[in-house]
Amino acid sequence: MKIAVQKIDGGKAGEIELNDAVFGVEPRADILHRVVTWQLEKRRATARPTRERSDVARTGKKFGRQKGSGGARHGDRGAPIFIGGGKAHGARKRDFNPSLNKKIRSLGLRMALSSKAKDGLVIVDSLELKDAKTKALKGQFDKAGYNGKVLFIDGESVNDGFRMAAGNLPGVNVIPAMGANVYDILKHDTLVLTKDAVEKLEARFNG
């Protein structure tokens, strides 16, 4: 699959041949759903449990007479009605640590890249910005036609000026090629890859 390469401002910069094993896979909704669900579950922290009656360190000795005190007949300081007692019907521990085999993860990422290649993947030669100003970068984005949420996947060509200016624009994110994931790719409207990012992604799956 051949695709045009452009400069960051939208100008032409030749063509590049994409590997069909990475960018030409037919997407499947069930695979993408499994990978996205797995990624979101992995981001969740363990739900903290409350201490119930059996978890608190309180005496179990009967602390009063059965009759004659004028009060209720208690036998355990760990009961929920006492200060320091266990929580009644408290939150239980929930550990979000799902598993997904590597073949499905790899296939999901290749399908996400392929779906963007079908819808209009953008390849640029580099992410270098001489004028490290947000306004200047916004003007180049408008000239190139980048709309909505834009995700830049970079190899090693991004410079600090571009990264700092892009960080001030809402909906614009820059991530390294080795950190590319299905959720971030699918939730952005426009996917922009540098030429060296393409090489890194293809080597990631071929290796």
C-alpha atoms as a PDB file:
ATOM      1  CA  MET A   1       0.000   0.000   0.000  1.00  0.00           C
ATOM      2  CA  LYS A   2       1.463   3.342  -1.065  1.00  0.00           C
ATOM      3  CA  ILE A   3       0.556   6.552   0.722  1.00  0.00           C
ATOM      4  CA  ALA A   4       1.652  10.145   0.233  1.00  0.00           C
ATOM      5  CA  VAL A   5       4.086  11.742   2.665  1.00  0.00           C
ATOM      6  CA  GLN A   6       3.599  15.376   3.514  1.00  0.00           C
ATOM      7  CA  LYS A   7       5.308  18.048   5.552  1.00  0.00           C
ATOM      8  CA  ILE A   8       3.816  19.280   8.809  1.00  0.00           C
ATOM      9  CA  ASP A   9       2.272  22.255   7.007  1.00  0.00           C
ATOM     10  CA  GLY A  10       0.613  20.035   4.379  1.00  0.00           C
ATOM     11  CA  GLY A  11       3.199  20.284   1.603  1.00  0.00           C
ATOM     12  CA  LYS A  12       4.159  17.214  -0.436  1.00  0.00           C
ATOM     13  CA  ALA A  13       7.237  15.188   0.544  1.00  0.00           C
ATOM     14  CA  GLY A  14       7.083  12.048  -1.633  1.00  0.00           C
ATOM     15  CA  GLU A  15       5.537   8.620  -0.982  1.00  0.00           C
ATOM     16  CA  ILE A  16       6.032   5.692   1.365  1.00  0.00           C
ATOM     17  CA  GLU A  17       5.243   1.981   1.021  1.00  0.00           C
ATOM     18  CA  LEU A  18       3.261   0.603   3.982  1.00  0.00           C
ATOM     19  CA  ASN A  19       3.430  -3.022   5.036  1.00  0.00           C
ATOM     20  CA  ASP A  20       0.048  -4.673   4.438  1.00  0.00           C
ATOM     21  CA  ALA A  21       0.636  -7.005   7.393  1.00  0.00           C
ATOM     22  CA  VAL A  22       0.513  -3.936   9.683  1.00  0.00           C
ATOM     23  CA  PHE A  23      -1.601  -1.372   7.832  1.00  0.00           C
ATOM     24  CA  GLY A  24      -3.727  -3.610   5.590  1.00  0.00           C
ATOM     25  CA  VAL A  25      -5.484  -5.915   8.083  1.00  0.00           C
ATOM     26  CA  GLU A  26      -9.280  -6.124   7.917  1.00  0.00           C
ATOM     27  CA  PRO A  27     -10.596  -4.658  11.218  1.00  0.00           C
ATOM     28  CA  ARG A  28     -12.917  -6.706  13.428  1.00  0.00           C
ATOM     29  CA  ALA A  29     -15.116  -4.991  15.990  1.00  0.00           C
ATOM     30  CA  ASP A  30     -14.929  -7.894  18.465  1.00  0.00           C
ATOM     31  CA  ILE A  31     -11.113  -7.908  18.539  1.00  0.00           C
ATOM     32  CA  LEU A  32     -10.917  -4.114  18.920  1.00  0.00           C
ATOM     33  CA  HIS A  33     -13.522  -4.243  21.704  1.00  0.00           C
ATOM     34  CA  ARG A  34     -11.570  -6.903  23.602  1.00  0.00           C
ATOM     35  CA  VAL A  35      -8.302  -4.971  23.399  1.00  0.00           C
ATOM     36  CA  VAL A  36      -9.832  -1.613  24.351  1.00  0.00           C
ATOM     37  CA  THR A  37     -11.659  -3.188  27.298  1.00  0.00           C
ATOM     38  CA  TRP A  38      -8.432  -4.851  28.432  1.00  0.00           C
ATOM     39  CA  GLN A  39      -6.505  -1.574  28.222  1.00  0.00           C
ATOM     40  CA  LEU A  40      -9.105   0.395  30.188  1.00  0.00           C
ATOM     41  CA  GLU A  41      -9.335  -2.316  32.854  1.00  0.00           C
ATOM     42  CA  LYS A  42      -5.538  -2.306  33.228  1.00  0.00           C
ATOM     43  CA  ARG A  43      -5.642   1.424  33.992  1.00  0.00           C
ATOM     44  CA  ARG A  44      -7.991   0.949  36.943  1.00  0.00           C
ATOM     45  CA  ALA A  45      -6.509   0.795  40.413  1.00  0.00           C
ATOM     46  CA  THR A  46      -7.496  -1.835  42.952  1.00  0.00           C
ATOM     47  CA  ALA A  47     -10.686  -0.860  44.786  1.00  0.00           C
ATOM     48  CA  ARG A  48      -9.859  -0.423  48.461  1.00  0.00           C
ATOM     49  CA  PRO A  49     -11.941  -2.616  50.794  1.00  0.00           C
ATOM     50  CA  THR A  50     -13.448  -1.584  54.133  1.00  0.00           C
ATOM     51  CA  ARG A  51     -12.706  -3.522  57.309  1.00  0.00           C
ATOM     52  CA  GLU A  52     -15.608  -5.674  58.332  1.00  0.00           C
ATOM     53  CA  ARG A  53     -16.417  -7.218  61.687  1.00  0.00           C
ATOM     54  CA  SER A  54     -13.894 -10.038  61.345  1.00  0.00           C
ATOM     55  CA  ASP A  55     -11.108  -7.655  60.280  1.00  0.00           C
ATOM     56  CA  VAL A  56     -11.029  -5.240  63.222  1.00  0.00           C
ATOM     57  CA  ALA A  57      -8.856  -5.834  66.296  1.00  0.00           C
ATOM     58  CA  ARG A  58     -11.451  -5.542  69.076  1.00  0.00           C
ATOM     59  CA  THR A  59     -12.104  -7.766  72.044  1.00  0.00           C
ATOM     60  CA  GLY A  60     -14.726 -10.465  71.734  1.00  0.00           C
ATOM     61  CA  LYS A  61     -15.224 -10.750  75.462  1.00  0.00           C
ATOM     62  CA  LYS A  62     -18.680  -9.971  76.821  1.00  0.00           C
ATOM     63  CA  PHE A  63     -18.224  -6.588  78.507  1.00  0.00           C
ATOM     64  CA  GLY A  64     -21.409  -6.284  80.564  1.00  0.00           C
ATOM     65  CA  ARG A  65     -23.989  -8.259  82.435  1.00  0.00           C
ATOM     66  CA  GLN A  66     -26.763  -9.988  80.543  1.00  0.00           C
ATOM     67  CA  LYS A  67     -29.400  -8.311  82.693  1.00  0.00           C
ATOM     68  CA  GLY A  68     -29.714  -5.378  85.032  1.00  0.00           C
ATOM     69  CA  SER A  69     -27.697  -2.707  83.144  1.00  0.00           C
ATOM     70  CA  GLY A  70     -30.740  -1.099  81.551  1.00  0.00           C
ATOM     71  CA  GLY A  71     -29.083  -1.348  78.146  1.00  0.00           C
ATOM     72  CA  ALA A  72     -28.869  -3.758  75.246  1.00  0.00           C
ATOM     73  CA  ARG A  73     -27.248  -7.193  75.613  1.00  0.00           C
ATOM     74  CA  HIS A  74     -23.959  -6.700  73.747  1.00  0.00           C
ATOM     75  CA  GLY A  75     -21.209  -9.249  73.538  1.00  0.00           C
ATOM     76  CA  ASP A  76     -18.640  -7.971  71.017  1.00  0.00           C
ATOM     77  CA  ARG A  77     -16.920  -4.577  70.687  1.00  0.00           C
ATOM     78  CA  GLY A  78     -16.295  -5.313  67.001  1.00  0.00           C
ATOM     79  CA  ALA A  79     -20.005  -4.865  66.226  1.00  0.00           C
ATOM     80  CA  PRO A  80     -20.770  -2.139  63.647  1.00  0.00           C
ATOM     81  CA  ILE A  81     -22.660   0.039  66.157  1.00  0.00           C
ATOM     82  CA  PHE A  82     -19.511   0.711  68.228  1.00  0.00           C
ATOM     83  CA  ILE A  83     -16.701   3.153  67.484  1.00  0.00           C
ATOM     84  CA  GLY A  84     -13.821   1.124  66.054  1.00  0.00           C
ATOM     85  CA  GLY A  85     -16.123  -1.702  65.070  1.00  0.00           C
ATOM     86  CA  GLY A  86     -16.343  -3.298  61.679  1.00  0.00           C
ATOM     87  CA  LYS A  87     -18.252  -1.813  58.767  1.00  0.00           C
ATOM     88  CA  ALA A  88     -21.588  -3.452  58.029  1.00  0.00           C
ATOM     89  CA  HIS A  89     -22.032  -4.381  54.336  1.00  0.00           C
ATOM     90  CA  GLY A  90     -18.870  -2.477  53.392  1.00  0.00           C
ATOM     91  CA  ALA A  91     -17.098  -2.230  50.043  1.00  0.00           C
ATOM     92  CA  ARG A  92     -15.321  -5.404  48.964  1.00  0.00           C
ATOM     93  CA  LYS A  93     -11.895  -5.526  47.354  1.00  0.00           C
ATOM     94  CA  ARG A  94     -11.986  -5.509  43.560  1.00  0.00           C
ATOM     95  CA  ASP A  95      -8.754  -6.160  41.700  1.00  0.00           C
ATOM     96  CA  PHE A  96      -8.901  -5.162  38.021  1.00  0.00           C
ATOM     97  CA  ASN A  97      -6.179  -7.266  36.471  1.00  0.00           C
ATOM     98  CA  PRO A  98      -7.535  -8.936  33.333  1.00  0.00           C
ATOM     99  CA  SER A  99      -5.405 -11.033  31.018  1.00  0.00           C
ATOM    100  CA  LEU A 100      -5.248 -10.980  27.227  1.00  0.00           C
ATOM    101  CA  ASN A 101      -2.807 -13.003  25.172  1.00  0.00           C
ATOM    102  CA  LYS A 102      -0.140 -11.233  23.148  1.00  0.00           C
ATOM    103  CA  LYS A 103      -1.470 -12.377  19.773  1.00  0.00           C
ATOM    104  CA  ILE A 104      -4.799 -10.643  20.369  1.00  0.00           C
ATOM    105  CA  ARG A 105      -3.070  -7.471  21.605  1.00  0.00           C
ATOM    106  CA  SER A 106      -0.832  -7.401  18.521  1.00  0.00           C
ATOM    107  CA  LEU A 107      -3.742  -8.107  16.185  1.00  0.00           C
ATOM    108  CA  GLY A 108      -5.841  -5.374  17.809  1.00  0.00           C
ATOM    109  CA  LEU A 109      -3.115  -2.752  17.334  1.00  0.00           C
ATOM    110  CA  ARG A 110      -2.607  -3.732  13.697  1.00  0.00           C
ATOM    111  CA  MET A 111      -6.371  -3.550  13.134  1.00  0.00           C
ATOM    112  CA  ALA A 112      -6.537  -0.093  14.724  1.00  0.00           C
ATOM    113  CA  LEU A 113      -3.730   1.155  12.475  1.00  0.00           C
ATOM    114  CA  SER A 114      -5.396  -0.455   9.448  1.00  0.00           C
ATOM    115  CA  SER A 115      -8.757   1.178  10.221  1.00  0.00           C
ATOM    116  CA  LYS A 116      -7.074   4.583  10.338  1.00  0.00           C
ATOM    117  CA  ALA A 117      -5.214   3.785   7.109  1.00  0.00           C
ATOM    118  CA  LYS A 118      -8.592   3.127   5.482  1.00  0.00           C
ATOM    119  CA  ASP A 119     -10.155   6.314   6.823  1.00  0.00           C
ATOM    120  CA  GLY A 120      -7.230   8.575   5.952  1.00  0.00           C
ATOM    121  CA  LEU A 121      -3.910   8.043   7.666  1.00  0.00           C
ATOM    122  CA  VAL A 122      -1.497  10.988   7.533  1.00  0.00           C
ATOM    123  CA  ILE A 123       2.246  10.383   7.131  1.00  0.00           C
ATOM    124  CA  VAL A 124       4.649  13.285   7.711  1.00  0.00           C
ATOM    125  CA  ASP A 125       8.399  13.434   7.195  1.00  0.00           C
ATOM    126  CA  SER A 126       9.177  14.778  10.685  1.00  0.00           C
ATOM    127  CA  LEU A 127       7.785  16.703  13.650  1.00  0.00           C
ATOM    128  CA  GLU A 128      10.251  19.562  13.720  1.00  0.00           C
ATOM    129  CA  LEU A 129       9.161  23.107  14.452  1.00  0.00           C
ATOM    130  CA  LYS A 130      11.556  26.022  13.988  1.00  0.00           C
ATOM    131  CA  ASP A 131       9.209  28.582  15.510  1.00  0.00           C
ATOM    132  CA  ALA A 132       8.262  27.045  18.873  1.00  0.00           C
ATOM    133  CA  LYS A 133       5.020  28.989  19.166  1.00  0.00           C
ATOM    134  CA  THR A 134       1.565  27.534  19.700  1.00  0.00           C
ATOM    135  CA  LYS A 135      -0.017  30.043  17.325  1.00  0.00           C
ATOM    136  CA  ALA A 136       2.412  29.121  14.555  1.00  0.00           C
ATOM    137  CA  LEU A 137       1.730  25.413  15.011  1.00  0.00           C
ATOM    138  CA  LYS A 138      -2.044  25.997  15.039  1.00  0.00           C
ATOM    139  CA  GLY A 139      -1.701  27.840  11.719  1.00  0.00           C
ATOM    140  CA  GLN A 140       0.178  24.898  10.212  1.00  0.00           C
ATOM    141  CA  PHE A 141      -2.478  22.463  11.461  1.00  0.00           C
ATOM    142  CA  ASP A 142      -5.234  24.550   9.866  1.00  0.00           C
ATOM    143  CA  LYS A 143      -3.262  24.704   6.625  1.00  0.00           C
ATOM    144  CA  ALA A 144      -2.766  20.919   6.612  1.00  0.00           C
ATOM    145  CA  GLY A 145      -6.443  20.283   7.455  1.00  0.00           C
ATOM    146  CA  TYR A 146      -6.025  18.570  10.836  1.00  0.00           C
ATOM    147  CA  ASN A 147      -9.409  18.682  12.555  1.00  0.00           C
ATOM    148  CA  GLY A 148     -10.793  17.416  15.853  1.00  0.00           C
ATOM    149  CA  LYS A 149      -8.597  15.336  18.137  1.00  0.00           C
ATOM    150  CA  VAL A 150      -5.168  14.715  16.599  1.00  0.00           C
ATOM    151  CA  LEU A 151      -2.731  12.002  17.714  1.00  0.00           C
ATOM    152  CA  PHE A 152       0.909  12.221  16.618  1.00  0.00           C
ATOM    153  CA  ILE A 153       2.918   8.999  16.818  1.00  0.00           C
ATOM    154  CA  ASP A 154       6.605   9.768  16.586  1.00  0.00           C
ATOM    155  CA  GLY A 155       9.762   7.738  16.178  1.00  0.00           C
ATOM    156  CA  GLU A 156      12.678   9.955  17.147  1.00  0.00           C
ATOM    157  CA  SER A 157      12.220  13.041  14.973  1.00  0.00           C
ATOM    158  CA  VAL A 158      10.056  15.175  17.286  1.00  0.00           C
ATOM    159  CA  ASN A 159      11.841  18.174  18.746  1.00  0.00           C
ATOM    160  CA  ASP A 160      11.129  19.961  22.020  1.00  0.00           C
ATOM    161  CA  GLY A 161       9.650  22.979  20.262  1.00  0.00           C
ATOM    162  CA  PHE A 162       6.957  20.910  18.601  1.00  0.00           C
ATOM    163  CA  ARG A 163       6.196  18.947  21.785  1.00  0.00           C
ATOM    164  CA  MET A 164       5.816  22.085  23.901  1.00  0.00           C
ATOM    165  CA  ALA A 165       3.680  23.915  21.340  1.00  0.00           C
ATOM    166  CA  ALA A 166       1.459  20.871  20.727  1.00  0.00           C
ATOM    167  CA  GLY A 167       0.930  20.458  24.466  1.00  0.00           C
ATOM    168  CA  ASN A 168      -0.898  23.801  24.540  1.00  0.00           C
ATOM    169  CA  LEU A 169      -3.434  22.809  21.898  1.00  0.00           C
ATOM    170  CA  PRO A 170      -6.614  21.053  23.120  1.00  0.00           C
ATOM    171  CA  GLY A 171      -7.159  17.582  21.713  1.00  0.00           C
ATOM    172  CA  VAL A 172      -3.564  17.218  20.428  1.00  0.00           C
ATOM    173  CA  ASN A 173      -1.345  14.468  21.843  1.00  0.00           C
ATOM    174  CA  VAL A 174       2.153  13.235  20.984  1.00  0.00           C
ATOM    175  CA  ILE A 175       3.223   9.695  21.934  1.00  0.00           C
ATOM    176  CA  PRO A 176       6.242   7.526  20.975  1.00  0.00           C
ATOM    177  CA  ALA A 177       5.860   4.679  18.503  1.00  0.00           C
ATOM    178  CA  MET A 178       6.581   2.059  21.157  1.00  0.00           C
ATOM    179  CA  GLY A 179       3.760   3.495  23.289  1.00  0.00           C
ATOM    180  CA  ALA A 180       1.113   3.262  20.559  1.00  0.00           C
ATOM    181  CA  ASN A 181      -2.074   1.580  21.772  1.00  0.00           C
ATOM    182  CA  VAL A 182      -5.519   0.791  20.394  1.00  0.00           C
ATOM    183  CA  TYR A 183      -7.534   3.047  22.702  1.00  0.00           C
ATOM    184  CA  ASP A 184      -5.556   6.218  21.942  1.00  0.00           C
ATOM    185  CA  ILE A 185      -5.552   5.512  18.205  1.00  0.00           C
ATOM    186  CA  LEU A 186      -9.301   4.945  17.965  1.00  0.00           C
ATOM    187  CA  LYS A 187     -10.429   7.856  20.158  1.00  0.00           C
ATOM    188  CA  HIS A 188      -8.639  10.470  18.014  1.00  0.00           C
ATOM    189  CA  ASP A 189     -10.126  11.794  14.780  1.00  0.00           C
ATOM    190  CA  THR A 190      -6.815  12.174  12.941  1.00  0.00           C
ATOM    191  CA  LEU A 191      -3.772   9.908  13.219  1.00  0.00           C
ATOM    192  CA  VAL A 192      -0.435  11.355  12.101  1.00  0.00           C
ATOM    193  CA  LEU A 193       2.676   9.153  11.876  1.00  0.00           C
ATOM    194  CA  THR A 194       6.220  10.169  11.116  1.00  0.00           C
ATOM    195  CA  LYS A 195       8.253   8.128   8.634  1.00  0.00           C
ATOM    196  CA  ASP A 196      10.500   6.760  11.363  1.00  0.00           C
ATOM    197  CA  ALA A 197       7.425   5.869  13.449  1.00  0.00           C
ATOM    198  CA  VAL A 198       6.175   3.748  10.531  1.00  0.00           C
ATOM    199  CA  GLU A 199       9.520   1.953  10.429  1.00  0.00           C
ATOM    200  CA  LYS A 200       9.451   1.336  14.192  1.00  0.00           C
ATOM    201  CA  LEU A 201       5.889  -0.020  14.111  1.00  0.00           C
ATOM    202  CA  GLU A 202       6.640  -2.356  11.214  1.00  0.00           C
ATOM    203  CA  ALA A 203       9.815  -3.565  12.936  1.00  0.00           C
ATOM    204  CA  ARG A 204       7.827  -4.081  16.159  1.00  0.00           C
ATOM    205  CA  PHE A 205       5.562  -6.617  14.484  1.00  0.00           C
ATOM    206  CA  ASN A 206       8.171  -8.177  12.218  1.00  0.00           C
ATOM    207  CA  GLY A 207      10.531  -8.645  15.134  1.00  0.00           C
END
